C-alpha atoms as a PDB file:
ATOM      1  CA  MET A   1     207.302 -66.072-155.318  1.00  0.00           C
ATOM      2  CA  PHE A   2     208.652 -69.033-153.393  1.00  0.00           C
ATOM      3  CA  GLN A   3     208.790 -72.397-155.088  1.00  0.00           C
ATOM      4  CA  GLY A   4     206.675 -73.888-152.279  1.00  0.00           C
ATOM      5  CA  ASP A   5     203.861 -71.462-153.109  1.00  0.00           C
ATOM      6  CA  MET A   6     203.533 -72.950-156.598  1.00  0.00           C
ATOM      7  CA  PHE A   7     202.199 -76.252-155.318  1.00  0.00           C
ATOM      8  CA  PRO A   8     198.894 -76.524-153.479  1.00  0.00           C
ATOM      9  CA  LYS A   9     199.276 -77.551-149.879  1.00  0.00           C
ATOM     10  CA  SER A  10     197.457 -80.677-148.827  1.00  0.00           C
ATOM     11  CA  LYS A  11     194.462 -80.119-146.591  1.00  0.00           C
ATOM     12  CA  LYS A  12     194.992 -81.316-143.064  1.00  0.00           C
ATOM     13  CA  PHE A  13     191.861 -82.694-141.472  1.00  0.00           C
ATOM     14  CA  SER A  14     190.998 -82.025-137.868  1.00  0.00           C
ATOM     15  CA  VAL A  15     190.277 -84.908-135.536  1.00  0.00           C
ATOM     16  CA  PHE A  16     186.615 -83.879-135.560  1.00  0.00           C
ATOM     17  CA  GLU A  17     186.490 -84.001-139.387  1.00  0.00           C
ATOM     18  CA  VAL A  18     188.076 -87.458-139.425  1.00  0.00           C
ATOM     19  CA  ILE A  19     185.606 -88.750-136.829  1.00  0.00           C
ATOM     20  CA  CYS A  20     182.673 -87.298-138.810  1.00  0.00           C
ATOM     21  CA  MET A  21     184.006 -88.864-142.019  1.00  0.00           C
ATOM     22  CA  LYS A  22     184.383 -92.271-140.349  1.00  0.00           C
ATOM     23  CA  LYS A  23     180.832 -92.034-138.988  1.00  0.00           C
ATOM     24  CA  LYS A  24     179.498 -91.204-142.464  1.00  0.00           C
ATOM     25  CA  ILE A  25     181.348 -94.166-143.956  1.00  0.00           C
ATOM     26  CA  ILE A  26     180.006 -96.542-141.295  1.00  0.00           C
ATOM     27  CA  LEU A  27     176.471 -95.165-141.712  1.00  0.00           C
ATOM     28  CA  ARG A  28     176.597 -95.488-145.485  1.00  0.00           C
ATOM     29  CA  GLY A  29     177.873 -99.031-145.178  1.00  0.00           C
ATOM     30  CA  ALA A  30     175.174 -99.922-142.645  1.00  0.00           C
ATOM     31  CA  VAL A  31     172.478 -98.497-144.903  1.00  0.00           C
ATOM     32  CA  GLY A  32     174.053-100.031-147.996  1.00  0.00           C
ATOM     33  CA  PHE A  33     173.873-103.620-146.727  1.00  0.00           C
ATOM     34  CA  PRO A  34     170.062-103.913-146.514  1.00  0.00           C
ATOM     35  CA  ILE A  35     169.665-101.905-149.707  1.00  0.00           C
ATOM     36  CA  GLY A  36     171.969-104.353-151.496  1.00  0.00           C
ATOM     37  CA  VAL A  37     169.995-107.333-150.171  1.00  0.00           C
ATOM     38  CA  MET A  38     166.724-105.679-151.209  1.00  0.00           C
ATOM     39  CA  ILE A  39     167.966-104.920-154.727  1.00  0.00           C
ATOM     40  CA  GLY A  40     169.244-108.499-155.087  1.00  0.00           C
ATOM     41  CA  TYR A  41     165.864-109.822-153.965  1.00  0.00           C
ATOM     42  CA  PHE A  42     163.967-107.611-156.439  1.00  0.00           C
ATOM     43  CA  ILE A  43     166.286-108.665-159.251  1.00  0.00           C
ATOM     44  CA  SER A  44     165.614-112.342-158.442  1.00  0.00           C
ATOM     45  CA  ILE A  45     161.864-111.632-158.625  1.00  0.00           C
ATOM     46  CA  ILE A  46     162.194-109.889-161.986  1.00  0.00           C
ATOM     47  CA  ILE A  47     164.372-112.676-163.387  1.00  0.00           C
ATOM     48  CA  SER A  48     161.858-115.248-162.116  1.00  0.00           C
ATOM     49  CA  LEU A  49     159.006-113.396-163.809  1.00  0.00           C
ATOM     50  CA  VAL A  50     160.862-113.312-167.113  1.00  0.00           C
ATOM     51  CA  TYR A  51     162.623-116.695-167.209  1.00  0.00           C
ATOM     52  CA  ALA A  52     161.224-119.106-164.597  1.00  0.00           C
ATOM     53  CA  ASP A  53     157.885-120.094-166.198  1.00  0.00           C
ATOM     54  CA  GLY A  54     155.756-118.974-163.243  1.00  0.00           C
ATOM     55  CA  TYR A  55     158.101-120.279-160.532  1.00  0.00           C
ATOM     56  CA  TYR A  56     160.295-118.335-158.162  1.00  0.00           C
ATOM     57  CA  SER A  57     163.973-118.912-158.795  1.00  0.00           C
ATOM     58  CA  PRO A  58     165.857-117.197-155.963  1.00  0.00           C
ATOM     59  CA  CYS A  59     169.303-117.887-157.417  1.00  0.00           C
ATOM     60  CA  VAL A  60     171.120-119.413-160.343  1.00  0.00           C
ATOM     61  CA  PRO A  61     170.814-123.234-160.317  1.00  0.00           C
ATOM     62  CA  ALA A  62     174.603-123.552-160.675  1.00  0.00           C
ATOM     63  CA  LEU A  63     175.015-121.721-157.353  1.00  0.00           C
ATOM     64  CA  SER A  64     172.584-124.134-155.678  1.00  0.00           C
ATOM     65  CA  ASP A  65     174.543-127.063-157.094  1.00  0.00           C
ATOM     66  CA  PHE A  66     177.832-125.547-155.938  1.00  0.00           C
ATOM     67  CA  MET A  67     176.503-124.852-152.416  1.00  0.00           C
ATOM     68  CA  GLY A  68     174.770-128.233-152.132  1.00  0.00           C
ATOM     69  CA  SER A  69     171.374-126.714-151.291  1.00  0.00           C
ATOM     70  CA  GLU A  70     169.134-123.908-152.438  1.00  0.00           C
ATOM     71  CA  ILE A  71     168.936-122.355-148.961  1.00  0.00           C
ATOM     72  CA  GLY A  72     172.723-122.249-148.687  1.00  0.00           C
ATOM     73  CA  ALA A  73     172.915-120.617-152.108  1.00  0.00           C
ATOM     74  CA  VAL A  74     170.245-118.056-151.210  1.00  0.00           C
ATOM     75  CA  LEU A  75     172.022-117.186-147.954  1.00  0.00           C
ATOM     76  CA  LEU A  76     175.350-116.747-149.735  1.00  0.00           C
ATOM     77  CA  GLN A  77     173.739-114.649-152.453  1.00  0.00           C
ATOM     78  CA  ALA A  78     171.967-112.434-149.872  1.00  0.00           C
ATOM     79  CA  LEU A  79     175.239-111.929-147.977  1.00  0.00           C
ATOM     80  CA  LEU A  80     177.117-111.054-151.158  1.00  0.00           C
ATOM     81  CA  CYS A  81     174.340-108.702-152.326  1.00  0.00           C
ATOM     82  CA  GLY A  82     174.625-106.958-148.957  1.00  0.00           C
ATOM     83  CA  ILE A  83     178.378-106.659-149.436  1.00  0.00           C
ATOM     84  CA  LEU A  84     177.727-105.180-152.884  1.00  0.00           C
ATOM     85  CA  GLY A  85     175.411-102.631-151.275  1.00  0.00           C
ATOM     86  CA  VAL A  86     178.086-101.715-148.740  1.00  0.00           C
ATOM     87  CA  GLY A  87     180.716-101.414-151.475  1.00  0.00           C
ATOM     88  CA  PHE A  88     178.592 -99.235-153.723  1.00  0.00           C
ATOM     89  CA  SER A  89     177.491 -97.039-150.800  1.00  0.00           C
ATOM     90  CA  VAL A  90     180.969 -96.517-149.396  1.00  0.00           C
ATOM     91  CA  SER A  91     182.550 -95.995-152.832  1.00  0.00           C
ATOM     92  CA  SER A  92     180.199 -93.054-153.400  1.00  0.00           C
ATOM     93  CA  PHE A  93     182.640 -91.033-151.248  1.00  0.00           C
ATOM     94  CA  ILE A  94     184.906 -90.919-154.290  1.00  0.00           C
ATOM     95  CA  TRP A  95     182.543 -88.339-155.826  1.00  0.00           C
ATOM     96  CA  GLU A  96     183.082 -86.070-152.805  1.00  0.00           C
ATOM     97  CA  ILE A  97     186.841 -85.686-153.292  1.00  0.00           C
ATOM     98  CA  GLU A  98     186.793 -82.188-154.723  1.00  0.00           C
ATOM     99  CA  SER A  99     190.529 -82.053-155.373  1.00  0.00           C
ATOM    100  CA  TRP A 100     190.207 -84.856-157.972  1.00  0.00           C
ATOM    101  CA  SER A 101     189.186 -84.277-161.574  1.00  0.00           C
ATOM    102  CA  LEU A 102     185.958 -85.781-162.865  1.00  0.00           C
ATOM    103  CA  LEU A 103     188.010 -88.174-164.974  1.00  0.00           C
ATOM    104  CA  LYS A 104     189.999 -89.396-161.957  1.00  0.00           C
ATOM    105  CA  GLN A 105     186.825 -89.752-159.847  1.00  0.00           C
ATOM    106  CA  THR A 106     185.149 -91.725-162.635  1.00  0.00           C
ATOM    107  CA  ALA A 107     188.136 -94.012-163.231  1.00  0.00           C
ATOM    108  CA  VAL A 108     188.687 -94.722-159.528  1.00  0.00           C
ATOM    109  CA  HIS A 109     184.958 -95.280-158.911  1.00  0.00           C
ATOM    110  CA  PHE A 110     184.686 -97.635-161.880  1.00  0.00           C
ATOM    111  CA  ALA A 111     187.755 -99.567-160.731  1.00  0.00           C
ATOM    112  CA  ALA A 112     186.447 -99.771-157.155  1.00  0.00           C
ATOM    113  CA  ILE A 113     182.987-101.034-158.047  1.00  0.00           C
ATOM    114  CA  SER A 114     184.436-103.404-160.651  1.00  0.00           C
ATOM    115  CA  PHE A 115     186.735-104.824-157.970  1.00  0.00           C
ATOM    116  CA  ILE A 116     183.645-105.429-155.809  1.00  0.00           C
ATOM    117  CA  MET A 117     181.151-106.503-158.472  1.00  0.00           C
ATOM    118  CA  LEU A 118     183.101-108.873-160.694  1.00  0.00           C
ATOM    119  CA  PRO A 119     184.307-111.356-158.042  1.00  0.00           C
ATOM    120  CA  ILE A 120     180.836-111.469-156.496  1.00  0.00           C
ATOM    121  CA  ALA A 121     179.258-112.012-159.924  1.00  0.00           C
ATOM    122  CA  TYR A 122     181.708-114.854-160.508  1.00  0.00           C
ATOM    123  CA  VAL A 123     181.095-116.531-157.131  1.00  0.00           C
ATOM    124  CA  THR A 124     177.299-116.291-157.480  1.00  0.00           C
ATOM    125  CA  TYR A 125     177.416-117.643-161.054  1.00  0.00           C
ATOM    126  CA  TRP A 126     175.843-114.486-162.463  1.00  0.00           C
ATOM    127  CA  MET A 127     178.429-114.844-165.220  1.00  0.00           C
ATOM    128  CA  GLU A 128     179.550-117.881-167.137  1.00  0.00           C
ATOM    129  CA  HIS A 129     182.802-119.262-165.727  1.00  0.00           C
ATOM    130  CA  SER A 130     184.868-118.712-168.860  1.00  0.00           C
ATOM    131  CA  LEU A 131     186.841-115.911-170.461  1.00  0.00           C
ATOM    132  CA  LYS A 132     183.940-115.275-172.843  1.00  0.00           C
ATOM    133  CA  GLY A 133     181.504-115.150-169.918  1.00  0.00           C
ATOM    134  CA  PHE A 134     183.738-112.777-167.964  1.00  0.00           C
ATOM    135  CA  LEU A 135     184.263-110.450-170.921  1.00  0.00           C
ATOM    136  CA  SER A 136     180.559-110.476-171.762  1.00  0.00           C
ATOM    137  CA  TYR A 137     179.557-109.675-168.174  1.00  0.00           C
ATOM    138  CA  PHE A 138     182.237-106.988-167.877  1.00  0.00           C
ATOM    139  CA  GLY A 139     181.109-105.431-171.167  1.00  0.00           C
ATOM    140  CA  ILE A 140     177.483-105.260-170.026  1.00  0.00           C
ATOM    141  CA  PHE A 141     178.606-103.900-166.655  1.00  0.00           C
ATOM    142  CA  ALA A 142     180.715-101.196-168.358  1.00  0.00           C
ATOM    143  CA  VAL A 143     177.872-100.176-170.699  1.00  0.00           C
ATOM    144  CA  ILE A 144     175.449 -99.871-167.771  1.00  0.00           C
ATOM    145  CA  PHE A 145     178.053 -97.813-165.865  1.00  0.00           C
ATOM    146  CA  VAL A 146     178.470 -95.453-168.842  1.00  0.00           C
ATOM    147  CA  PHE A 147     174.706 -94.986-169.280  1.00  0.00           C
ATOM    148  CA  ILE A 148     174.231 -94.235-165.582  1.00  0.00           C
ATOM    149  CA  TRP A 149     177.243 -91.895-165.592  1.00  0.00           C
ATOM    150  CA  ILE A 150     175.893 -89.959-168.591  1.00  0.00           C
ATOM    151  CA  ALA A 151     172.427 -89.697-167.006  1.00  0.00           C
ATOM    152  CA  GLU A 152     173.902 -88.457-163.719  1.00  0.00           C
ATOM    153  CA  TYR A 153     176.110 -85.979-165.568  1.00  0.00           C
ATOM    154  CA  ILE A 154     173.159 -84.553-167.516  1.00  0.00           C
ATOM    155  CA  ILE A 155     171.045 -84.308-164.357  1.00  0.00           C
ATOM    156  CA  GLY A 156     173.913 -82.560-162.561  1.00  0.00           C
ATOM    157  CA  ARG A 157     174.313 -80.053-165.392  1.00  0.00           C
ATOM    158  CA  ILE A 158     170.580 -79.299-165.343  1.00  0.00           C
ATOM    159  CA  ILE A 159     170.655 -78.740-161.580  1.00  0.00           C
ATOM    160  CA  VAL A 160     173.678 -76.441-161.844  1.00  0.00           C
ATOM    161  CA  LYS A 161     172.018 -74.494-164.680  1.00  0.00           C
ATOM    162  CA  LYS A 162     168.867 -73.998-162.563  1.00  0.00           C
ATOM    163  CA  MET A 163     170.942 -72.936-159.543  1.00  0.00           C
ATOM    164  CA  ASN A 164     172.888 -70.446-161.666  1.00  0.00           C
ATOM    165  CA  GLY A 165     169.620 -69.057-163.038  1.00  0.00           C
ATOM    166  CA  LYS A 166     168.226 -68.565-159.528  1.00  0.00           C
ATOM    167  CA  LEU A 167     171.489 -66.976-158.418  1.00  0.00           C
ATOM    168  CA  LYS A 168     171.435 -64.602-161.385  1.00  0.00           C
ATOM    169  CA  LYS A 169     167.819 -63.587-160.604  1.00  0.00           C
ATOM    170  CA  THR A 170     168.748 -62.987-156.967  1.00  0.00           C
ATOM    171  CA  GLN A 171     171.704 -60.841-157.998  1.00  0.00           C
ATOM    172  CA  GLU A 172     169.534 -58.855-160.422  1.00  0.00           C
ATOM    173  CA  ASN A 173     166.878 -58.286-157.746  1.00  0.00           C
ATOM    174  CA  ASP A 174     169.517 -57.041-155.298  1.00  0.00           C
ATOM    175  CA  LYS A 175     170.608 -54.280-157.720  1.00  0.00           C
END
């Protein structure tokens, strides 16, 4: 056996595959922007229902103060929510890298969405502008990530188990 055979060769992508991948990334980003804005809008409605005593509060008052007007704050928040949507949509490609372990996919995905989420949360005043506020927000963010990851993992295992059961039945019927 040659020493070169011991190491897996990297997959070379054809021009067509690269073009298709770029199109998928652009499409996901384009779809992610309005989804991010929509989710941000729904969150502002829910927060208003819970905390605003019957009034609609489209953004954190500190953001309005920082921007000098509520409309400026709302526009900035909508733009940043759209960017969040793009970031989350495009970062989902990490889960499609089959050569990576689940641990590596999880770590890289968490780092990527943290890199997107935390600065936006800071700029929009979704977190207190202090070390305590940052750590608190990051802790909540990490806990939510873990819960979603566990739920997705369990759902994936159930789907695989069902697929394996159907495959086994098909194989038994073919005998």
